[in-house]
Amino acid sequence: MKMKKNLRGQSSDFLQNNLVPLMFIIICAICIPLSDFSPSYLLNEIVTRMGRNIFLILSLLIPIMAGMGLNFGMTLGRWP
């Protein structure tokens, strides 16, 4: 009996600690098929945007770590 309560408590803790990521996964699972985009197009967009964002983050981190500050790094990091 104690094992069931412990397992129930663990699952409740897991749901409470990960509610936002679980809701995001559920919403994505519902909305992706409704969008009528092909899986290859969605994957291409995700990879392109992740690559662009990683580049911008790295271009902001170098000046911050060098001690130049956020404002200087932000102007260079958002250069077109």
Protein backbone atom coordinates (compact mmCIF):
# COMPACT_ATOMS: atom_id res chain seq x y z
CA MET A 1 0.00 0.00 0.00
CA LYS A 2 2.84 2.35 0.86
CA MET A 3 4.45 1.64 -2.53
CA LYS A 4 1.33 2.82 -4.39
CA LYS A 5 1.22 6.07 -2.42
CA ASN A 6 4.90 6.64 -3.08
CA LEU A 7 4.47 5.99 -6.82
CA ARG A 8 1.41 8.24 -6.94
CA GLY A 9 3.36 10.98 -5.15
CA GLN A 10 6.27 10.65 -7.57
CA SER A 11 4.01 10.96 -10.61
CA SER A 12 2.27 13.95 -9.06
CA ASP A 13 5.62 15.61 -8.37
CA PHE A 14 6.75 14.88 -11.94
CA LEU A 15 3.62 16.50 -13.38
CA GLN A 16 3.96 19.55 -11.15
CA ASN A 17 7.65 20.01 -11.94
CA ASN A 18 7.27 19.56 -15.71
CA LEU A 19 3.87 21.06 -16.44
CA VAL A 20 5.05 23.71 -18.91
CA PRO A 21 7.16 21.38 -21.12
CA LEU A 22 4.38 18.76 -21.10
CA MET A 23 1.77 21.34 -22.14
CA PHE A 24 4.12 22.55 -24.91
CA ILE A 25 4.52 18.99 -26.23
CA ILE A 26 0.75 18.41 -26.13
CA ILE A 27 0.00 21.69 -27.93
CA CYS A 28 2.65 20.92 -30.58
CA ALA A 29 1.27 17.40 -31.07
CA ILE A 30 -2.18 18.86 -31.69
CA CYS A 31 -1.24 21.90 -33.79
CA ILE A 32 1.47 20.50 -36.09
CA PRO A 33 -0.93 18.23 -38.01
CA LEU A 34 -3.45 21.08 -38.21
CA SER A 35 -0.87 23.43 -39.80
CA ASP A 36 -0.80 21.46 -43.10
CA PHE A 37 2.97 21.98 -43.49
CA SER A 38 5.12 19.12 -44.66
CA PRO A 39 7.43 17.56 -42.06
CA SER A 40 10.49 18.39 -44.19
CA TYR A 41 9.50 22.08 -44.30
CA LEU A 42 8.98 22.18 -40.53
CA LEU A 43 12.31 20.47 -39.87
CA ASN A 44 14.08 22.85 -42.27
CA GLU A 45 12.58 25.89 -40.51
CA ILE A 46 13.49 24.57 -37.06
CA VAL A 47 17.11 23.88 -38.06
CA THR A 48 17.46 27.27 -39.80
CA ARG A 49 16.06 29.24 -36.88
CA MET A 50 18.05 27.29 -34.30
CA GLY A 51 21.26 27.88 -36.27
CA ARG A 52 20.54 31.60 -36.55
CA ASN A 53 19.71 31.91 -32.86
CA ILE A 54 22.80 29.96 -31.80
CA PHE A 55 24.96 32.28 -33.90
CA LEU A 56 23.36 35.36 -32.30
CA ILE A 57 23.78 33.97 -28.79
CA LEU A 58 27.43 33.17 -29.39
CA SER A 59 28.04 36.62 -30.86
CA LEU A 60 26.58 38.11 -27.67
CA LEU A 61 28.52 35.87 -25.28
CA ILE A 62 32.02 36.72 -26.53
CA PRO A 63 31.85 40.47 -25.77
CA ILE A 64 30.17 39.82 -22.42
CA MET A 65 32.89 37.40 -21.37
CA ALA A 66 35.55 39.86 -22.56
CA GLY A 67 34.07 42.51 -20.28
CA MET A 68 32.73 44.84 -22.98
CA GLY A 69 29.18 44.68 -21.64
CA LEU A 70 25.81 43.73 -23.03
CA ASN A 71 25.07 46.93 -24.95
CA PHE A 72 28.18 46.74 -27.12
CA GLY A 73 27.70 43.05 -27.82
CA MET A 74 24.05 43.50 -28.67
CA THR A 75 24.74 46.06 -31.40
CA LEU A 76 27.29 43.78 -33.04
CA GLY A 77 25.24 40.63 -32.51
CA ARG A 78 22.20 42.02 -34.33
CA TRP A 79 24.16 43.23 -37.37
CA PRO A 80 22.34 42.06 -40.54
